[in-house]
Amino acid sequence: RYGVMKIHHELNLELQPLQRRCSPRRISRLMKELDIHSVTVNKWKATSASKTKVEQRPNLLKQDFSTTGLNQKWTADMTYI
């Protein structure tokens, strides 16, 4: 269902040819009187309490980041995944 602001926008588009307007406050009051509520869907949020175990991967570089020249070893920040 629509909320107050969406209903306000749609209603004012319909009332525009009649040169009439309706305020969001009036719409809010009428929705409250009629017990009409907008439906909101919560966004999915990752939690830190995951039920799956983290699989350990082998350390291919053995934490050795020394090189003798350019473009020999690369690292990536994967913390955002």
PDB file of N, CA and C in Angstrom:
ATOM      1  N   ARG A   1       0.838  -1.189   0.000  1.00  0.00           N
ATOM      2  CA  ARG A   1       0.000   0.000   0.000  1.00  0.00           C
ATOM      3  C   ARG A   1       0.873   1.238   0.000  1.00  0.00           C
ATOM      4  N   TYR A   2       0.319   2.303  -0.524  1.00  0.00           N
ATOM      5  CA  TYR A   2       1.043   3.570  -0.584  1.00  0.00           C
ATOM      6  C   TYR A   2       1.090   4.230   0.780  1.00  0.00           C
ATOM      7  N   GLY A   3       2.108   5.061   0.968  1.00  0.00           N
ATOM      8  CA  GLY A   3       2.207   5.885   2.155  1.00  0.00           C
ATOM      9  C   GLY A   3       1.603   7.258   1.893  1.00  0.00           C
ATOM     10  N   VAL A   4       1.731   8.145   2.861  1.00  0.00           N
ATOM     11  CA  VAL A   4       1.112   9.474   2.785  1.00  0.00           C
ATOM     12  C   VAL A   4       1.648  10.266   1.599  1.00  0.00           C
ATOM     13  N   MET A   5       2.959  10.259   1.415  1.00  0.00           N
ATOM     14  CA  MET A   5       3.538  11.108   0.365  1.00  0.00           C
ATOM     15  C   MET A   5       3.183  10.620  -1.046  1.00  0.00           C
ATOM     16  N   LYS A   6       3.143   9.306  -1.248  1.00  0.00           N
ATOM     17  CA  LYS A   6       2.753   8.788  -2.568  1.00  0.00           C
ATOM     18  C   LYS A   6       1.288   9.079  -2.859  1.00  0.00           C
ATOM     19  N   ILE A   7       0.439   8.906  -1.849  1.00  0.00           N
ATOM     20  CA  ILE A   7      -0.989   9.213  -2.026  1.00  0.00           C
ATOM     21  C   ILE A   7      -1.168  10.702  -2.291  1.00  0.00           C
ATOM     22  N   HIS A   8      -0.428  11.530  -1.573  1.00  0.00           N
ATOM     23  CA  HIS A   8      -0.494  12.986  -1.767  1.00  0.00           C
ATOM     24  C   HIS A   8      -0.134  13.351  -3.201  1.00  0.00           C
ATOM     25  N   HIS A   9       0.923  12.757  -3.706  1.00  0.00           N
ATOM     26  CA  HIS A   9       1.361  13.061  -5.079  1.00  0.00           C
ATOM     27  C   HIS A   9       0.303  12.631  -6.101  1.00  0.00           C
ATOM     28  N   GLU A  10      -0.182  11.396  -5.973  1.00  0.00           N
ATOM     29  CA  GLU A  10      -1.181  10.888  -6.916  1.00  0.00           C
ATOM     30  C   GLU A  10      -2.484  11.677  -6.836  1.00  0.00           C
ATOM     31  N   LEU A  11      -2.911  11.995  -5.634  1.00  0.00           N
ATOM     32  CA  LEU A  11      -4.164  12.718  -5.457  1.00  0.00           C
ATOM     33  C   LEU A  11      -4.074  14.131  -6.034  1.00  0.00           C
ATOM     34  N   ASN A  12      -2.945  14.793  -5.829  1.00  0.00           N
ATOM     35  CA  ASN A  12      -2.789  16.137  -6.383  1.00  0.00           C
ATOM     36  C   ASN A  12      -2.724  16.113  -7.906  1.00  0.00           C
ATOM     37  N   LEU A  13      -2.197  15.031  -8.490  1.00  0.00           N
ATOM     38  CA  LEU A  13      -2.215  14.907  -9.953  1.00  0.00           C
ATOM     39  C   LEU A  13      -3.647  14.796 -10.467  1.00  0.00           C
ATOM     40  N   GLU A  14      -4.505  14.069  -9.722  1.00  0.00           N
ATOM     41  CA  GLU A  14      -5.910  13.919 -10.126  1.00  0.00           C
ATOM     42  C   GLU A  14      -6.705  15.201  -9.889  1.00  0.00           C
ATOM     43  N   LEU A  15      -6.358  15.939  -8.837  1.00  0.00           N
ATOM     44  CA  LEU A  15      -7.106  17.153  -8.497  1.00  0.00           C
ATOM     45  C   LEU A  15      -6.627  18.381  -9.273  1.00  0.00           C
ATOM     46  N   GLN A  16      -5.498  18.277  -9.941  1.00  0.00           N
ATOM     47  CA  GLN A  16      -4.935  19.426 -10.660  1.00  0.00           C
ATOM     48  C   GLN A  16      -5.883  19.990 -11.724  1.00  0.00           C
ATOM     49  N   PRO A  17      -6.549  19.167 -12.546  1.00  0.00           N
ATOM     50  CA  PRO A  17      -7.481  19.741 -13.533  1.00  0.00           C
ATOM     51  C   PRO A  17      -8.658  20.476 -12.882  1.00  0.00           C
ATOM     52  N   LEU A  18      -9.009  20.079 -11.658  1.00  0.00           N
ATOM     53  CA  LEU A  18     -10.110  20.734 -10.946  1.00  0.00           C
ATOM     54  C   LEU A  18      -9.635  21.957 -10.155  1.00  0.00           C
ATOM     55  N   GLN A  19      -8.330  22.226 -10.236  1.00  0.00           N
ATOM     56  CA  GLN A  19      -7.698  23.342  -9.520  1.00  0.00           C
ATOM     57  C   GLN A  19      -7.936  23.225  -8.017  1.00  0.00           C
ATOM     58  N   ARG A  20      -7.793  22.017  -7.500  1.00  0.00           N
ATOM     59  CA  ARG A  20      -7.924  21.743  -6.075  1.00  0.00           C
ATOM     60  C   ARG A  20      -6.633  21.104  -5.580  1.00  0.00           C
ATOM     61  N   ARG A  21      -6.401  21.193  -4.273  1.00  0.00           N
ATOM     62  CA  ARG A  21      -5.218  20.588  -3.673  1.00  0.00           C
ATOM     63  C   ARG A  21      -5.600  19.898  -2.373  1.00  0.00           C
ATOM     64  N   CYS A  22      -4.732  19.014  -1.933  1.00  0.00           N
ATOM     65  CA  CYS A  22      -4.938  18.301  -0.679  1.00  0.00           C
ATOM     66  C   CYS A  22      -3.580  18.202   0.015  1.00  0.00           C
ATOM     67  N   SER A  23      -3.548  18.481   1.310  1.00  0.00           N
ATOM     68  CA  SER A  23      -2.284  18.497   2.043  1.00  0.00           C
ATOM     69  C   SER A  23      -1.933  17.108   2.569  1.00  0.00           C
ATOM     70  N   PRO A  24      -0.654  16.846   2.764  1.00  0.00           N
ATOM     71  CA  PRO A  24      -0.252  15.561   3.349  1.00  0.00           C
ATOM     72  C   PRO A  24      -0.791  15.376   4.759  1.00  0.00           C
ATOM     73  N   ARG A  25      -0.951  16.456   5.495  1.00  0.00           N
ATOM     74  CA  ARG A  25      -1.469  16.361   6.855  1.00  0.00           C
ATOM     75  C   ARG A  25      -2.912  15.836   6.853  1.00  0.00           C
ATOM     76  N   ARG A  26      -3.715  16.302   5.909  1.00  0.00           N
ATOM     77  CA  ARG A  26      -5.102  15.830   5.805  1.00  0.00           C
ATOM     78  C   ARG A  26      -5.130  14.352   5.428  1.00  0.00           C
ATOM     79  N   ILE A  27      -4.281  13.965   4.491  1.00  0.00           N
ATOM     80  CA  ILE A  27      -4.219  12.567   4.072  1.00  0.00           C
ATOM     81  C   ILE A  27      -3.791  11.692   5.246  1.00  0.00           C
ATOM     82  N   SER A  28      -2.821  12.157   6.013  1.00  0.00           N
ATOM     83  CA  SER A  28      -2.353  11.412   7.179  1.00  0.00           C
ATOM     84  C   SER A  28      -3.473  11.243   8.197  1.00  0.00           C
ATOM     85  N   ARG A  29      -4.224  12.314   8.439  1.00  0.00           N
ATOM     86  CA  ARG A  29      -5.335  12.255   9.393  1.00  0.00           C
ATOM     87  C   ARG A  29      -6.407  11.283   8.921  1.00  0.00           C
ATOM     88  N   LEU A  30      -6.759  11.337   7.631  1.00  0.00           N
ATOM     89  CA  LEU A  30      -7.786  10.442   7.103  1.00  0.00           C
ATOM     90  C   LEU A  30      -7.319   8.986   7.118  1.00  0.00           C
ATOM     91  N   MET A  31      -6.050   8.747   6.823  1.00  0.00           N
ATOM     92  CA  MET A  31      -5.525   7.388   6.873  1.00  0.00           C
ATOM     93  C   MET A  31      -5.578   6.853   8.301  1.00  0.00           C
ATOM     94  N   LYS A  32      -5.287   7.723   9.273  1.00  0.00           N
ATOM     95  CA  LYS A  32      -5.334   7.310  10.672  1.00  0.00           C
ATOM     96  C   LYS A  32      -6.762   6.977  11.091  1.00  0.00           C
ATOM     97  N   GLU A  33      -7.716   7.792  10.647  1.00  0.00           N
ATOM     98  CA  GLU A  33      -9.121   7.552  10.983  1.00  0.00           C
ATOM     99  C   GLU A  33      -9.633   6.246  10.374  1.00  0.00           C
ATOM    100  N   LEU A  34      -9.188   5.953   9.161  1.00  0.00           N
ATOM    101  CA  LEU A  34      -9.636   4.744   8.467  1.00  0.00           C
ATOM    102  C   LEU A  34      -8.753   3.533   8.782  1.00  0.00           C
ATOM    103  N   ASP A  35      -7.760   3.734   9.626  1.00  0.00           N
ATOM    104  CA  ASP A  35      -6.826   2.685  10.023  1.00  0.00           C
ATOM    105  C   ASP A  35      -6.132   2.067   8.809  1.00  0.00           C
ATOM    106  N   ILE A  36      -5.642   2.942   7.940  1.00  0.00           N
ATOM    107  CA  ILE A  36      -4.893   2.517   6.752  1.00  0.00           C
ATOM    108  C   ILE A  36      -3.420   2.788   7.020  1.00  0.00           C
ATOM    109  N   HIS A  37      -2.588   1.775   6.795  1.00  0.00           N
ATOM    110  CA  HIS A  37      -1.146   1.915   7.009  1.00  0.00           C
ATOM    111  C   HIS A  37      -0.414   1.536   5.736  1.00  0.00           C
ATOM    112  N   SER A  38       0.719   2.166   5.521  1.00  0.00           N
ATOM    113  CA  SER A  38       1.540   1.781   4.379  1.00  0.00           C
ATOM    114  C   SER A  38       2.290   0.496   4.727  1.00  0.00           C
ATOM    115  N   VAL A  39       2.578  -0.289   3.718  1.00  0.00           N
ATOM    116  CA  VAL A  39       3.308  -1.536   3.907  1.00  0.00           C
ATOM    117  C   VAL A  39       4.765  -1.259   3.606  1.00  0.00           C
ATOM    118  N   THR A  40       5.624  -1.559   4.562  1.00  0.00           N
ATOM    119  CA  THR A  40       7.063  -1.372   4.362  1.00  0.00           C
ATOM    120  C   THR A  40       7.743  -2.726   4.399  1.00  0.00           C
ATOM    121  N   VAL A  41       8.739  -2.891   3.546  1.00  0.00           N
ATOM    122  CA  VAL A  41       9.510  -4.122   3.490  1.00  0.00           C
ATOM    123  C   VAL A  41      10.912  -3.797   3.975  1.00  0.00           C
ATOM    124  N   ASN A  42      11.346  -4.526   4.980  1.00  0.00           N
ATOM    125  CA  ASN A  42      12.690  -4.294   5.497  1.00  0.00           C
ATOM    126  C   ASN A  42      13.721  -4.822   4.516  1.00  0.00           C
ATOM    127  N   LYS A  43      14.804  -4.081   4.362  1.00  0.00           N
ATOM    128  CA  LYS A  43      15.881  -4.510   3.497  1.00  0.00           C
ATOM    129  C   LYS A  43      16.641  -5.646   4.159  1.00  0.00           C
ATOM    130  N   TRP A  44      17.223  -6.504   3.353  1.00  0.00           N
ATOM    131  CA  TRP A  44      17.984  -7.624   3.871  1.00  0.00           C
ATOM    132  C   TRP A  44      19.281  -7.107   4.462  1.00  0.00           C
ATOM    133  N   LYS A  45      19.624  -7.598   5.625  1.00  0.00           N
ATOM    134  CA  LYS A  45      20.846  -7.168   6.285  1.00  0.00           C
ATOM    135  C   LYS A  45      21.648  -8.395   6.684  1.00  0.00           C
ATOM    136  N   ALA A  46      22.921  -8.407   6.336  1.00  0.00           N
ATOM    137  CA  ALA A  46      23.795  -9.506   6.723  1.00  0.00           C
ATOM    138  C   ALA A  46      24.103  -9.396   8.206  1.00  0.00           C
ATOM    139  N   THR A  47      24.146 -10.525   8.868  1.00  0.00           N
ATOM    140  CA  THR A  47      24.459 -10.522  10.291  1.00  0.00           C
ATOM    141  C   THR A  47      25.816 -11.164  10.521  1.00  0.00           C
ATOM    142  N   SER A  48      26.405 -10.852  11.634  1.00  0.00           N
ATOM    143  CA  SER A  48      27.711 -11.426  11.940  1.00  0.00           C
ATOM    144  C   SER A  48      27.580 -12.827  12.515  1.00  0.00           C
ATOM    145  N   ALA A  49      26.402 -13.207  12.964  1.00  0.00           N
ATOM    146  CA  ALA A  49      26.183 -14.534  13.534  1.00  0.00           C
ATOM    147  C   ALA A  49      25.739 -15.500  12.445  1.00  0.00           C
ATOM    148  N   SER A  50      26.645 -15.827  11.569  1.00  0.00           N
ATOM    149  CA  SER A  50      26.323 -16.729  10.471  1.00  0.00           C
ATOM    150  C   SER A  50      26.381 -18.177  10.959  1.00  0.00           C
ATOM    151  N   LYS A  51      25.516 -19.028  10.446  1.00  0.00           N
ATOM    152  CA  LYS A  51      25.476 -20.420  10.862  1.00  0.00           C
ATOM    153  C   LYS A  51      26.464 -21.283  10.083  1.00  0.00           C
ATOM    154  N   THR A  52      26.988 -20.776   8.969  1.00  0.00           N
ATOM    155  CA  THR A  52      27.938 -21.552   8.181  1.00  0.00           C
ATOM    156  C   THR A  52      29.350 -21.285   8.670  1.00  0.00           C
ATOM    157  N   LYS A  53      30.163 -22.322   8.623  1.00  0.00           N
ATOM    158  CA  LYS A  53      31.554 -22.177   9.047  1.00  0.00           C
ATOM    159  C   LYS A  53      32.371 -21.566   7.921  1.00  0.00           C
ATOM    160  N   VAL A  54      33.372 -20.804   8.305  1.00  0.00           N
ATOM    161  CA  VAL A  54      34.268 -20.207   7.327  1.00  0.00           C
ATOM    162  C   VAL A  54      35.310 -21.249   6.940  1.00  0.00           C
ATOM    163  N   GLU A  55      35.423 -21.474   5.659  1.00  0.00           N
ATOM    164  CA  GLU A  55      36.373 -22.476   5.186  1.00  0.00           C
ATOM    165  C   GLU A  55      37.758 -21.850   5.103  1.00  0.00           C
ATOM    166  N   GLN A  56      38.741 -22.514   5.681  1.00  0.00           N
ATOM    167  CA  GLN A  56      40.115 -22.019   5.646  1.00  0.00           C
ATOM    168  C   GLN A  56      40.744 -22.348   4.300  1.00  0.00           C
ATOM    169  N   ARG A  57      41.339 -21.365   3.700  1.00  0.00           N
ATOM    170  CA  ARG A  57      42.018 -21.546   2.412  1.00  0.00           C
ATOM    171  C   ARG A  57      43.527 -21.565   2.633  1.00  0.00           C
ATOM    172  N   PRO A  58      44.253 -22.251   1.780  1.00  0.00           N
ATOM    173  CA  PRO A  58      45.706 -22.275   1.943  1.00  0.00           C
ATOM    174  C   PRO A  58      46.310 -20.909   1.623  1.00  0.00           C
ATOM    175  N   ASN A  59      47.342 -20.544   2.365  1.00  0.00           N
ATOM    176  CA  ASN A  59      48.037 -19.279   2.144  1.00  0.00           C
ATOM    177  C   ASN A  59      49.099 -19.518   1.079  1.00  0.00           C
ATOM    178  N   LEU A  60      48.772 -19.183  -0.163  1.00  0.00           N
ATOM    179  CA  LEU A  60      49.667 -19.476  -1.274  1.00  0.00           C
ATOM    180  C   LEU A  60      50.939 -18.640  -1.243  1.00  0.00           C
ATOM    181  N   LEU A  61      50.882 -17.448  -0.715  1.00  0.00           N
ATOM    182  CA  LEU A  61      52.065 -16.587  -0.677  1.00  0.00           C
ATOM    183  C   LEU A  61      52.889 -16.774   0.593  1.00  0.00           C
ATOM    184  N   LYS A  62      52.361 -17.494   1.556  1.00  0.00           N
ATOM    185  CA  LYS A  62      53.032 -17.708   2.841  1.00  0.00           C
ATOM    186  C   LYS A  62      53.417 -16.383   3.489  1.00  0.00           C
ATOM    187  N   GLN A  63      52.562 -15.358   3.312  1.00  0.00           N
ATOM    188  CA  GLN A  63      52.755 -14.022   3.880  1.00  0.00           C
ATOM    189  C   GLN A  63      54.095 -13.407   3.475  1.00  0.00           C
ATOM    190  N   ASP A  64      54.630 -13.804   2.346  1.00  0.00           N
ATOM    191  CA  ASP A  64      55.888 -13.241   1.846  1.00  0.00           C
ATOM    192  C   ASP A  64      55.545 -12.228   0.763  1.00  0.00           C
ATOM    193  N   PHE A  65      55.589 -10.955   1.116  1.00  0.00           N
ATOM    194  CA  PHE A  65      55.223  -9.904   0.167  1.00  0.00           C
ATOM    195  C   PHE A  65      56.430  -9.211  -0.438  1.00  0.00           C
ATOM    196  N   SER A  66      57.612  -9.761  -0.269  1.00  0.00           N
ATOM    197  CA  SER A  66      58.810  -9.136  -0.844  1.00  0.00           C
ATOM    198  C   SER A  66      58.942  -9.537  -2.316  1.00  0.00           C
ATOM    199  N   THR A  67      59.388  -8.612  -3.128  1.00  0.00           N
ATOM    200  CA  THR A  67      59.584  -8.865  -4.554  1.00  0.00           C
ATOM    201  C   THR A  67      60.913  -8.286  -4.991  1.00  0.00           C
ATOM    202  N   THR A  68      61.329  -8.697  -6.176  1.00  0.00           N
ATOM    203  CA  THR A  68      62.564  -8.139  -6.741  1.00  0.00           C
ATOM    204  C   THR A  68      62.269  -7.143  -7.855  1.00  0.00           C
ATOM    205  N   GLY A  69      61.007  -7.064  -8.291  1.00  0.00           N
ATOM    206  CA  GLY A  69      60.648  -6.138  -9.345  1.00  0.00           C
ATOM    207  C   GLY A  69      59.176  -5.779  -9.271  1.00  0.00           C
ATOM    208  N   LEU A  70      58.726  -5.019 -10.247  1.00  0.00           N
ATOM    209  CA  LEU A  70      57.340  -4.596 -10.287  1.00  0.00           C
ATOM    210  C   LEU A  70      56.440  -5.700 -10.837  1.00  0.00           C
ATOM    211  N   ASN A  71      55.168  -5.679 -10.432  1.00  0.00           N
ATOM    212  CA  ASN A  71      54.113  -6.569 -10.935  1.00  0.00           C
ATOM    213  C   ASN A  71      54.425  -8.057 -10.758  1.00  0.00           C
ATOM    214  N   GLN A  72      55.026  -8.423  -9.643  1.00  0.00           N
ATOM    215  CA  GLN A  72      55.283  -9.835  -9.383  1.00  0.00           C
ATOM    216  C   GLN A  72      54.225 -10.431  -8.453  1.00  0.00           C
ATOM    217  N   LYS A  73      53.779  -9.671  -7.467  1.00  0.00           N
ATOM    218  CA  LYS A  73      52.768 -10.151  -6.541  1.00  0.00           C
ATOM    219  C   LYS A  73      51.702  -9.083  -6.384  1.00  0.00           C
ATOM    220  N   TRP A  74      50.445  -9.547  -6.317  1.00  0.00           N
ATOM    221  CA  TRP A  74      49.323  -8.634  -6.160  1.00  0.00           C
ATOM    222  C   TRP A  74      48.498  -9.075  -4.961  1.00  0.00           C
ATOM    223  N   THR A  75      47.896  -8.110  -4.291  1.00  0.00           N
ATOM    224  CA  THR A  75      46.970  -8.421  -3.213  1.00  0.00           C
ATOM    225  C   THR A  75      45.665  -7.690  -3.472  1.00  0.00           C
ATOM    226  N   ALA A  76      44.599  -8.193  -2.850  1.00  0.00           N
ATOM    227  CA  ALA A  76      43.294  -7.565  -3.013  1.00  0.00           C
ATOM    228  C   ALA A  76      42.614  -7.477  -1.641  1.00  0.00           C
ATOM    229  N   ASP A  77      41.862  -6.415  -1.438  1.00  0.00           N
ATOM    230  CA  ASP A  77      41.110  -6.245  -0.202  1.00  0.00           C
ATOM    231  C   ASP A  77      39.742  -6.879  -0.391  1.00  0.00           C
ATOM    232  N   MET A  78      39.506  -8.024   0.224  1.00  0.00           N
ATOM    233  CA  MET A  78      38.260  -8.775   0.049  1.00  0.00           C
ATOM    234  C   MET A  78      37.362  -8.634   1.275  1.00  0.00           C
ATOM    235  N   THR A  79      37.598  -7.643   2.099  1.00  0.00           N
ATOM    236  CA  THR A  79      36.828  -7.510   3.346  1.00  0.00           C
ATOM    237  C   THR A  79      35.405  -7.059   3.087  1.00  0.00           C
ATOM    238  N   TYR A  80      35.102  -6.468   1.927  1.00  0.00           N
ATOM    239  CA  TYR A  80      33.762  -5.972   1.652  1.00  0.00           C
ATOM    240  C   TYR A  80      32.816  -7.076   1.213  1.00  0.00           C
ATOM    241  N   ILE A  81      33.310  -8.251   0.926  1.00  0.00           N
ATOM    242  CA  ILE A  81      32.458  -9.341   0.437  1.00  0.00           C
ATOM    243  C   ILE A  81      31.792 -10.051   1.581  1.00  0.00           C
TER     244      ILE A  81
END
